[in-house]
Amino acid sequence: MAPSGLLVTGASFAAFRGLHWGLQLLPTPGSAAQNRWKWRNICVSLVHSLLTGAGALLGLSLYPQMAADPIHGHPPWALVLVAVSVGYFLADGTDLLWNQTLGQAWDLLCHHVVVVSCLSTAVLSGHYVGFSVVSLLLELNSTCLHLRQLLLLSHQAPSLAFRVTSWATLATLALFRLVPLGWMSLWLFQQCHQVPLALVILGGTGLATVGAMSINLGVHILVSDILRSRPCPPILGNKETRGTRTDCDGESITRDDSTLSLKD
């Protein structure tokens, strides 16, 4: 499994880096002109979320054995999906290091290290692929988070599109982020006697971190977008926030939070 998984990971890394480079050749919307790198970064993240999130949902629907046997039950293409995600996180981490300081990107870099560590276990060993595919359901929520960020960068808040996206973000956060995280945590607890201690610690740490940040993210969006009407709510994201945000006067403000995903 390792050689083919590593090959797919390398190809994915090159593809996502190439996509980011290619976006530099395209015009950036005028409203996002002050955040060109951030706009490109989120667009690349959106492509990854759409690809892996939809792939995970379709795969689990067609092959429910992956959830019934998360350790061994998976078709060959599921490993490819996980390897693609590993390549993306490596590419995104490279992009963050290239365009931001460690002080700006440390939280996302820590997230990426945890994610790559967890998903790489499946890529290298060929086991726990089903478990990893379930974790990729979180990308369905990340899709909404990235769309929300793009609307904020385009100064589309408040607008009908932004309000619909905010509600969709909260709905998918509950359905495709908190529910899968809860299922994975319960499974890991019930099967801890079958899973090596090192993997239990790694997986438990990742799930606890992502779960806490997901709850914090949901509360933040609920307050800023729904309960408190603000013309320029803070930019959040799963990976989800990057760089800076813009306040109501057009001033650049350092981002205030981010999300993780065992994407994710």
C-alpha atoms as a PDB file:
ATOM      1  CA  MET A   1       0.000   0.000   0.000  1.00  0.00           C
ATOM      2  CA  ALA A   2       2.774   2.441   0.914  1.00  0.00           C
ATOM      3  CA  PRO A   3       4.391   2.939  -2.530  1.00  0.00           C
ATOM      4  CA  SER A   4       1.103   3.635  -4.324  1.00  0.00           C
ATOM      5  CA  GLY A   5      -0.180   5.779  -1.457  1.00  0.00           C
ATOM      6  CA  LEU A   6       2.995   7.848  -1.408  1.00  0.00           C
ATOM      7  CA  LEU A   7       2.813   8.258  -5.181  1.00  0.00           C
ATOM      8  CA  VAL A   8      -0.746   9.578  -4.979  1.00  0.00           C
ATOM      9  CA  THR A   9       0.239  11.866  -2.092  1.00  0.00           C
ATOM     10  CA  GLY A  10       3.106  13.320  -4.115  1.00  0.00           C
ATOM     11  CA  ALA A  11       0.903  13.808  -7.165  1.00  0.00           C
ATOM     12  CA  SER A  12      -1.742  15.495  -5.022  1.00  0.00           C
ATOM     13  CA  PHE A  13       0.851  17.816  -3.491  1.00  0.00           C
ATOM     14  CA  ALA A  14       2.074  18.837  -6.939  1.00  0.00           C
ATOM     15  CA  ALA A  15      -1.476  19.296  -8.246  1.00  0.00           C
ATOM     16  CA  PHE A  16      -2.602  21.574  -5.418  1.00  0.00           C
ATOM     17  CA  ARG A  17       0.603  23.621  -5.559  1.00  0.00           C
ATOM     18  CA  GLY A  18       0.097  23.889  -9.301  1.00  0.00           C
ATOM     19  CA  LEU A  19      -3.503  24.983  -8.812  1.00  0.00           C
ATOM     20  CA  HIS A  20      -2.417  27.752  -6.475  1.00  0.00           C
ATOM     21  CA  TRP A  21       0.194  28.874  -8.991  1.00  0.00           C
ATOM     22  CA  GLY A  22      -2.340  28.744 -11.806  1.00  0.00           C
ATOM     23  CA  LEU A  23      -4.770  30.944  -9.883  1.00  0.00           C
ATOM     24  CA  GLN A  24      -2.119  33.655  -9.836  1.00  0.00           C
ATOM     25  CA  LEU A  25      -2.604  33.936 -13.584  1.00  0.00           C
ATOM     26  CA  LEU A  26      -6.317  34.657 -13.168  1.00  0.00           C
ATOM     27  CA  PRO A  27      -7.738  38.020 -12.108  1.00  0.00           C
ATOM     28  CA  THR A  28      -8.747  38.446  -8.476  1.00  0.00           C
ATOM     29  CA  PRO A  29     -12.104  40.141  -7.784  1.00  0.00           C
ATOM     30  CA  GLY A  30     -11.572  43.825  -7.088  1.00  0.00           C
ATOM     31  CA  SER A  31     -13.178  43.552  -3.662  1.00  0.00           C
ATOM     32  CA  ALA A  32     -10.513  41.023  -2.664  1.00  0.00           C
ATOM     33  CA  ALA A  33      -7.588  42.869  -4.236  1.00  0.00           C
ATOM     34  CA  GLN A  34      -5.970  43.534  -0.855  1.00  0.00           C
ATOM     35  CA  ASN A  35      -6.047  39.823  -0.002  1.00  0.00           C
ATOM     36  CA  ARG A  36      -5.013  38.170  -3.260  1.00  0.00           C
ATOM     37  CA  TRP A  37      -3.037  35.384  -1.599  1.00  0.00           C
ATOM     38  CA  LYS A  38      -5.830  34.672   0.859  1.00  0.00           C
ATOM     39  CA  TRP A  39      -8.374  34.547  -1.953  1.00  0.00           C
ATOM     40  CA  ARG A  40      -6.264  32.035  -3.899  1.00  0.00           C
ATOM     41  CA  ASN A  41      -5.583  29.990  -0.780  1.00  0.00           C
ATOM     42  CA  ILE A  42      -9.269  29.695   0.071  1.00  0.00           C
ATOM     43  CA  CYS A  43     -10.173  28.813  -3.521  1.00  0.00           C
ATOM     44  CA  VAL A  44      -7.675  25.940  -3.449  1.00  0.00           C
ATOM     45  CA  SER A  45      -9.064  24.836  -0.090  1.00  0.00           C
ATOM     46  CA  LEU A  46     -12.581  24.940  -1.533  1.00  0.00           C
ATOM     47  CA  VAL A  47     -11.552  22.627  -4.370  1.00  0.00           C
ATOM     48  CA  HIS A  48     -10.104  20.164  -1.860  1.00  0.00           C
ATOM     49  CA  SER A  49     -13.208  20.289   0.340  1.00  0.00           C
ATOM     50  CA  LEU A  50     -15.569  19.724  -2.575  1.00  0.00           C
ATOM     51  CA  LEU A  51     -13.497  16.832  -3.906  1.00  0.00           C
ATOM     52  CA  THR A  52     -12.854  14.952  -0.668  1.00  0.00           C
ATOM     53  CA  GLY A  53     -16.113  15.801   1.094  1.00  0.00           C
ATOM     54  CA  ALA A  54     -18.281  14.670  -1.804  1.00  0.00           C
ATOM     55  CA  GLY A  55     -16.021  11.660  -2.346  1.00  0.00           C
ATOM     56  CA  ALA A  56     -16.319  10.606   1.291  1.00  0.00           C
ATOM     57  CA  LEU A  57     -20.121  10.953   1.323  1.00  0.00           C
ATOM     58  CA  LEU A  58     -20.540   9.078  -1.958  1.00  0.00           C
ATOM     59  CA  GLY A  59     -18.037   6.436  -0.943  1.00  0.00           C
ATOM     60  CA  LEU A  60     -19.681   5.711   2.394  1.00  0.00           C
ATOM     61  CA  SER A  61     -23.072   5.554   0.681  1.00  0.00           C
ATOM     62  CA  LEU A  62     -21.855   3.048  -1.897  1.00  0.00           C
ATOM     63  CA  TYR A  63     -19.563   1.130   0.442  1.00  0.00           C
ATOM     64  CA  PRO A  64     -20.995   1.262   3.999  1.00  0.00           C
ATOM     65  CA  GLN A  65     -18.558  -1.517   4.965  1.00  0.00           C
ATOM     66  CA  MET A  66     -16.022   1.247   5.568  1.00  0.00           C
ATOM     67  CA  ALA A  67     -18.053   2.400   8.567  1.00  0.00           C
ATOM     68  CA  ALA A  68     -18.857  -1.147   9.678  1.00  0.00           C
ATOM     69  CA  ASP A  69     -15.170  -2.115   9.612  1.00  0.00           C
ATOM     70  CA  PRO A  70     -13.136   1.120   9.762  1.00  0.00           C
ATOM     71  CA  ILE A  71      -9.849  -0.758  10.126  1.00  0.00           C
ATOM     72  CA  HIS A  72      -9.891  -3.230   7.226  1.00  0.00           C
ATOM     73  CA  GLY A  73     -13.041  -2.650   5.181  1.00  0.00           C
ATOM     74  CA  HIS A  74     -12.340  -0.362   2.237  1.00  0.00           C
ATOM     75  CA  PRO A  75     -12.091  -0.444  -1.562  1.00  0.00           C
ATOM     76  CA  PRO A  76      -8.805   0.589  -3.240  1.00  0.00           C
ATOM     77  CA  TRP A  77     -10.084   3.992  -4.309  1.00  0.00           C
ATOM     78  CA  ALA A  78     -10.717   4.977  -0.678  1.00  0.00           C
ATOM     79  CA  LEU A  79      -6.981   4.930  -0.012  1.00  0.00           C
ATOM     80  CA  VAL A  80      -6.519   7.225  -3.009  1.00  0.00           C
ATOM     81  CA  LEU A  81      -9.012   9.692  -1.546  1.00  0.00           C
ATOM     82  CA  VAL A  82      -7.163   9.762   1.777  1.00  0.00           C
ATOM     83  CA  ALA A  83      -3.786  10.142   0.049  1.00  0.00           C
ATOM     84  CA  VAL A  84      -5.129  13.079  -1.978  1.00  0.00           C
ATOM     85  CA  SER A  85      -6.108  14.785   1.252  1.00  0.00           C
ATOM     86  CA  VAL A  86      -2.648  14.209   2.760  1.00  0.00           C
ATOM     87  CA  GLY A  87      -1.084  15.788  -0.322  1.00  0.00           C
ATOM     88  CA  TYR A  88      -3.377  18.779  -0.010  1.00  0.00           C
ATOM     89  CA  PHE A  89      -2.488  19.424   3.637  1.00  0.00           C
ATOM     90  CA  LEU A  90       1.206  19.203   2.840  1.00  0.00           C
ATOM     91  CA  ALA A  91       0.719  21.644  -0.033  1.00  0.00           C
ATOM     92  CA  ASP A  92      -1.325  24.017   2.095  1.00  0.00           C
ATOM     93  CA  GLY A  93       1.233  23.880   4.894  1.00  0.00           C
ATOM     94  CA  THR A  94       3.930  24.797   2.377  1.00  0.00           C
ATOM     95  CA  ASP A  95       1.781  27.675   1.156  1.00  0.00           C
ATOM     96  CA  LEU A  96       1.285  28.940   4.708  1.00  0.00           C
ATOM     97  CA  LEU A  97       5.009  28.805   5.480  1.00  0.00           C
ATOM     98  CA  TRP A  98       5.800  30.606   2.235  1.00  0.00           C
ATOM     99  CA  ASN A  99       3.311  33.440   2.686  1.00  0.00           C
ATOM    100  CA  GLN A 100       2.926  33.883   6.455  1.00  0.00           C
ATOM    101  CA  THR A 101       5.065  34.054   9.551  1.00  0.00           C
ATOM    102  CA  LEU A 102       4.990  31.300  12.147  1.00  0.00           C
ATOM    103  CA  GLY A 103       3.205  33.706  14.473  1.00  0.00           C
ATOM    104  CA  GLN A 104       0.388  34.102  11.968  1.00  0.00           C
ATOM    105  CA  ALA A 105       0.069  30.474  10.923  1.00  0.00           C
ATOM    106  CA  TRP A 106       1.105  28.406  13.942  1.00  0.00           C
ATOM    107  CA  ASP A 107      -2.429  27.217  14.747  1.00  0.00           C
ATOM    108  CA  LEU A 108      -3.152  26.002  11.238  1.00  0.00           C
ATOM    109  CA  LEU A 109       0.288  24.442  10.968  1.00  0.00           C
ATOM    110  CA  CYS A 110      -0.298  22.537  14.205  1.00  0.00           C
ATOM    111  CA  HIS A 111      -3.632  21.383  12.813  1.00  0.00           C
ATOM    112  CA  HIS A 112      -2.025  20.225   9.597  1.00  0.00           C
ATOM    113  CA  VAL A 113       0.650  18.294  11.489  1.00  0.00           C
ATOM    114  CA  VAL A 114      -2.037  16.422  13.451  1.00  0.00           C
ATOM    115  CA  VAL A 115      -4.105  15.750  10.336  1.00  0.00           C
ATOM    116  CA  VAL A 116      -1.190  14.558   8.243  1.00  0.00           C
ATOM    117  CA  SER A 117      -0.019  12.336  11.091  1.00  0.00           C
ATOM    118  CA  CYS A 118      -3.448  10.693  11.411  1.00  0.00           C
ATOM    119  CA  LEU A 119      -4.173  10.267   7.714  1.00  0.00           C
ATOM    120  CA  SER A 120      -0.636   9.155   6.904  1.00  0.00           C
ATOM    121  CA  THR A 121      -1.147   6.180   9.195  1.00  0.00           C
ATOM    122  CA  ALA A 122      -3.831   4.942   6.824  1.00  0.00           C
ATOM    123  CA  VAL A 123      -1.806   5.752   3.702  1.00  0.00           C
ATOM    124  CA  LEU A 124       1.347   3.989   4.915  1.00  0.00           C
ATOM    125  CA  SER A 125      -0.253   0.968   6.561  1.00  0.00           C
ATOM    126  CA  GLY A 126      -3.348   0.405   4.421  1.00  0.00           C
ATOM    127  CA  HIS A 127      -5.395   0.115   7.619  1.00  0.00           C
ATOM    128  CA  TYR A 128      -7.889   2.538   9.222  1.00  0.00           C
ATOM    129  CA  VAL A 129      -8.797   3.827   5.763  1.00  0.00           C
ATOM    130  CA  GLY A 130     -12.526   3.603   6.508  1.00  0.00           C
ATOM    131  CA  PHE A 131     -11.987   5.595   9.697  1.00  0.00           C
ATOM    132  CA  SER A 132     -10.098   8.228   7.702  1.00  0.00           C
ATOM    133  CA  VAL A 133     -12.844   8.418   5.070  1.00  0.00           C
ATOM    134  CA  VAL A 134     -15.427   9.066   7.797  1.00  0.00           C
ATOM    135  CA  SER A 135     -13.233  11.930   8.999  1.00  0.00           C
ATOM    136  CA  LEU A 136     -13.302  13.419   5.506  1.00  0.00           C
ATOM    137  CA  LEU A 137     -17.036  14.051   5.921  1.00  0.00           C
ATOM    138  CA  LEU A 138     -15.937  17.127   7.857  1.00  0.00           C
ATOM    139  CA  GLU A 139     -14.921  18.606   4.508  1.00  0.00           C
ATOM    140  CA  LEU A 140     -18.590  19.049   3.623  1.00  0.00           C
ATOM    141  CA  ASN A 141     -18.783  21.616   6.400  1.00  0.00           C
ATOM    142  CA  SER A 142     -15.447  23.085   5.314  1.00  0.00           C
ATOM    143  CA  THR A 143     -16.987  23.738   1.891  1.00  0.00           C
ATOM    144  CA  CYS A 144     -19.527  26.079   3.498  1.00  0.00           C
ATOM    145  CA  LEU A 145     -16.844  27.667   5.656  1.00  0.00           C
ATOM    146  CA  HIS A 146     -14.711  28.441   2.601  1.00  0.00           C
ATOM    147  CA  LEU A 147     -17.702  29.876   0.726  1.00  0.00           C
ATOM    148  CA  ARG A 148     -18.419  32.066   3.736  1.00  0.00           C
ATOM    149  CA  GLN A 149     -14.842  33.322   3.731  1.00  0.00           C
ATOM    150  CA  LEU A 150     -14.983  34.150   0.027  1.00  0.00           C
ATOM    151  CA  LEU A 151     -18.199  36.129   0.567  1.00  0.00           C
ATOM    152  CA  LEU A 152     -16.565  38.054   3.390  1.00  0.00           C
ATOM    153  CA  LEU A 153     -13.519  38.829   1.279  1.00  0.00           C
ATOM    154  CA  SER A 154     -15.885  39.995  -1.464  1.00  0.00           C
ATOM    155  CA  HIS A 155     -17.656  42.292   1.029  1.00  0.00           C
ATOM    156  CA  GLN A 156     -20.940  40.427   0.532  1.00  0.00           C
ATOM    157  CA  ALA A 157     -21.856  40.541   4.228  1.00  0.00           C
ATOM    158  CA  PRO A 158     -24.582  41.209   5.013  1.00  0.00           C
ATOM    159  CA  SER A 159     -26.474  39.820   2.023  1.00  0.00           C
ATOM    160  CA  LEU A 160     -28.977  37.068   1.349  1.00  0.00           C
ATOM    161  CA  ALA A 161     -26.219  34.822   0.003  1.00  0.00           C
ATOM    162  CA  PHE A 162     -24.158  35.376   3.127  1.00  0.00           C
ATOM    163  CA  ARG A 163     -27.084  34.663   5.471  1.00  0.00           C
ATOM    164  CA  VAL A 164     -27.939  31.461   3.603  1.00  0.00           C
ATOM    165  CA  THR A 165     -24.288  30.406   3.718  1.00  0.00           C
ATOM    166  CA  SER A 166     -24.095  31.122   7.453  1.00  0.00           C
ATOM    167  CA  TRP A 167     -27.125  28.931   8.165  1.00  0.00           C
ATOM    168  CA  ALA A 168     -25.773  26.213   5.864  1.00  0.00           C
ATOM    169  CA  THR A 169     -22.453  26.419   7.694  1.00  0.00           C
ATOM    170  CA  LEU A 170     -24.105  25.857  11.060  1.00  0.00           C
ATOM    171  CA  ALA A 171     -26.296  23.036   9.740  1.00  0.00           C
ATOM    172  CA  THR A 172     -23.406  21.186   8.113  1.00  0.00           C
ATOM    173  CA  LEU A 173     -21.238  21.823  11.164  1.00  0.00           C
ATOM    174  CA  ALA A 174     -23.713  19.881  13.265  1.00  0.00           C
ATOM    175  CA  LEU A 175     -24.428  17.147  10.713  1.00  0.00           C
ATOM    176  CA  PHE A 176     -21.069  16.612   9.025  1.00  0.00           C
ATOM    177  CA  ARG A 177     -18.619  17.791  11.657  1.00  0.00           C
ATOM    178  CA  LEU A 178     -19.934  17.153  15.165  1.00  0.00           C
ATOM    179  CA  VAL A 179     -21.786  13.923  14.334  1.00  0.00           C
ATOM    180  CA  PRO A 180     -18.793  12.262  12.610  1.00  0.00           C
ATOM    181  CA  LEU A 181     -16.478  13.470  15.392  1.00  0.00           C
ATOM    182  CA  GLY A 182     -18.813  11.962  17.973  1.00  0.00           C
ATOM    183  CA  TRP A 183     -19.033   8.682  16.067  1.00  0.00           C
ATOM    184  CA  MET A 184     -15.258   8.443  15.671  1.00  0.00           C
ATOM    185  CA  SER A 185     -14.692   9.229  19.351  1.00  0.00           C
ATOM    186  CA  LEU A 186     -17.188   6.558  20.425  1.00  0.00           C
ATOM    187  CA  TRP A 187     -15.679   3.981  18.050  1.00  0.00           C
ATOM    188  CA  LEU A 188     -12.146   4.716  19.247  1.00  0.00           C
ATOM    189  CA  PHE A 189     -13.249   4.365  22.867  1.00  0.00           C
ATOM    190  CA  GLN A 190     -15.052   1.067  22.203  1.00  0.00           C
ATOM    191  CA  GLN A 191     -12.214  -0.401  20.136  1.00  0.00           C
ATOM    192  CA  CYS A 192      -9.282   0.900  22.164  1.00  0.00           C
ATOM    193  CA  HIS A 193      -8.317  -2.691  23.041  1.00  0.00           C
ATOM    194  CA  GLN A 194      -7.847  -3.489  19.324  1.00  0.00           C
ATOM    195  CA  VAL A 195      -5.987  -0.307  18.413  1.00  0.00           C
ATOM    196  CA  PRO A 196      -2.328   0.253  19.346  1.00  0.00           C
ATOM    197  CA  LEU A 197      -1.926   2.635  22.268  1.00  0.00           C
ATOM    198  CA  ALA A 198       0.092   5.115  20.193  1.00  0.00           C
ATOM    199  CA  LEU A 199      -2.737   5.371  17.651  1.00  0.00           C
ATOM    200  CA  VAL A 200      -5.333   5.735  20.400  1.00  0.00           C
ATOM    201  CA  ILE A 201      -3.370   8.660  21.834  1.00  0.00           C
ATOM    202  CA  LEU A 202      -2.824  10.222  18.400  1.00  0.00           C
ATOM    203  CA  GLY A 203      -6.438   9.799  17.347  1.00  0.00           C
ATOM    204  CA  GLY A 204      -7.836  10.873  20.697  1.00  0.00           C
ATOM    205  CA  THR A 205      -5.708  14.002  20.740  1.00  0.00           C
ATOM    206  CA  GLY A 206      -6.751  14.904  17.221  1.00  0.00           C
ATOM    207  CA  LEU A 207     -10.451  14.290  17.867  1.00  0.00           C
ATOM    208  CA  ALA A 208     -10.422  16.261  21.117  1.00  0.00           C
ATOM    209  CA  THR A 209      -8.654  19.198  19.482  1.00  0.00           C
ATOM    210  CA  VAL A 210     -10.873  19.265  16.431  1.00  0.00           C
ATOM    211  CA  GLY A 211     -14.013  18.820  18.513  1.00  0.00           C
ATOM    212  CA  ALA A 212     -13.187  21.706  20.833  1.00  0.00           C
ATOM    213  CA  MET A 213     -12.326  24.011  17.961  1.00  0.00           C
ATOM    214  CA  SER A 214     -15.450  22.990  16.036  1.00  0.00           C
ATOM    215  CA  ILE A 215     -17.700  23.839  18.971  1.00  0.00           C
ATOM    216  CA  ASN A 216     -15.912  27.161  19.406  1.00  0.00           C
ATOM    217  CA  LEU A 217     -16.320  27.856  15.697  1.00  0.00           C
ATOM    218  CA  GLY A 218     -20.027  27.090  15.765  1.00  0.00           C
ATOM    219  CA  VAL A 219     -20.633  29.362  18.744  1.00  0.00           C
ATOM    220  CA  HIS A 220     -18.625  32.141  17.117  1.00  0.00           C
ATOM    221  CA  ILE A 221     -20.564  31.976  13.848  1.00  0.00           C
ATOM    222  CA  LEU A 222     -23.898  31.684  15.657  1.00  0.00           C
ATOM    223  CA  VAL A 223     -23.164  34.817  17.668  1.00  0.00           C
ATOM    224  CA  SER A 224     -21.513  36.925  14.959  1.00  0.00           C
ATOM    225  CA  ASP A 225     -23.726  35.967  11.995  1.00  0.00           C
ATOM    226  CA  ILE A 226     -27.090  35.062  13.497  1.00  0.00           C
ATOM    227  CA  LEU A 227     -27.642  36.451  16.981  1.00  0.00           C
ATOM    228  CA  ARG A 228     -25.771  39.691  16.534  1.00  0.00           C
ATOM    229  CA  SER A 229     -26.332  41.605  13.320  1.00  0.00           C
ATOM    230  CA  ARG A 230     -22.957  42.894  12.200  1.00  0.00           C
ATOM    231  CA  PRO A 231     -22.167  44.316   8.760  1.00  0.00           C
ATOM    232  CA  CYS A 232     -18.653  42.895   8.823  1.00  0.00           C
ATOM    233  CA  PRO A 233     -18.444  39.758  10.967  1.00  0.00           C
ATOM    234  CA  PRO A 234     -15.018  38.200  11.470  1.00  0.00           C
ATOM    235  CA  ILE A 235     -13.696  35.862   8.830  1.00  0.00           C
ATOM    236  CA  LEU A 236     -13.640  32.310  10.088  1.00  0.00           C
ATOM    237  CA  GLY A 237     -12.711  29.148   8.381  1.00  0.00           C
ATOM    238  CA  ASN A 238     -11.740  25.454   8.676  1.00  0.00           C
ATOM    239  CA  LYS A 239      -8.525  25.638   7.841  1.00  0.00           C
ATOM    240  CA  GLU A 240     -10.516  27.833   7.739  1.00  0.00           C
ATOM    241  CA  THR A 241      -9.152  31.174   8.559  1.00  0.00           C
ATOM    242  CA  ARG A 242      -6.067  32.509   7.016  1.00  0.00           C
ATOM    243  CA  GLY A 243      -4.060  35.690   7.057  1.00  0.00           C
ATOM    244  CA  THR A 244      -6.035  38.801   7.800  1.00  0.00           C
ATOM    245  CA  ARG A 245      -9.577  40.014   7.662  1.00  0.00           C
ATOM    246  CA  THR A 246     -11.002  43.414   6.766  1.00  0.00           C
ATOM    247  CA  ASP A 247     -13.091  45.515   9.113  1.00  0.00           C
ATOM    248  CA  CYS A 248     -15.969  47.824   8.244  1.00  0.00           C
ATOM    249  CA  ASP A 249     -13.579  50.649   7.445  1.00  0.00           C
ATOM    250  CA  GLY A 250     -11.484  48.555   5.131  1.00  0.00           C
ATOM    251  CA  GLU A 251      -8.588  48.190   7.542  1.00  0.00           C
ATOM    252  CA  SER A 252      -6.645  44.942   7.673  1.00  0.00           C
ATOM    253  CA  ILE A 253      -7.042  43.071  10.939  1.00  0.00           C
ATOM    254  CA  THR A 254      -5.118  39.999  11.990  1.00  0.00           C
ATOM    255  CA  ARG A 255      -7.326  36.929  11.963  1.00  0.00           C
ATOM    256  CA  ASP A 256      -8.750  35.987  15.326  1.00  0.00           C
ATOM    257  CA  ASP A 257      -9.388  32.281  15.095  1.00  0.00           C
ATOM    258  CA  SER A 258      -9.266  29.180  12.968  1.00  0.00           C
ATOM    259  CA  THR A 259     -10.631  25.680  12.812  1.00  0.00           C
ATOM    260  CA  LEU A 260      -9.203  22.255  12.507  1.00  0.00           C
ATOM    261  CA  SER A 261     -10.440  19.239  10.769  1.00  0.00           C
ATOM    262  CA  LEU A 262      -9.394  15.681  10.479  1.00  0.00           C
ATOM    263  CA  LYS A 263      -9.929  16.227   7.092  1.00  0.00           C
ATOM    264  CA  ASP A 264      -9.559  16.489   8.679  1.00  0.00           C
END
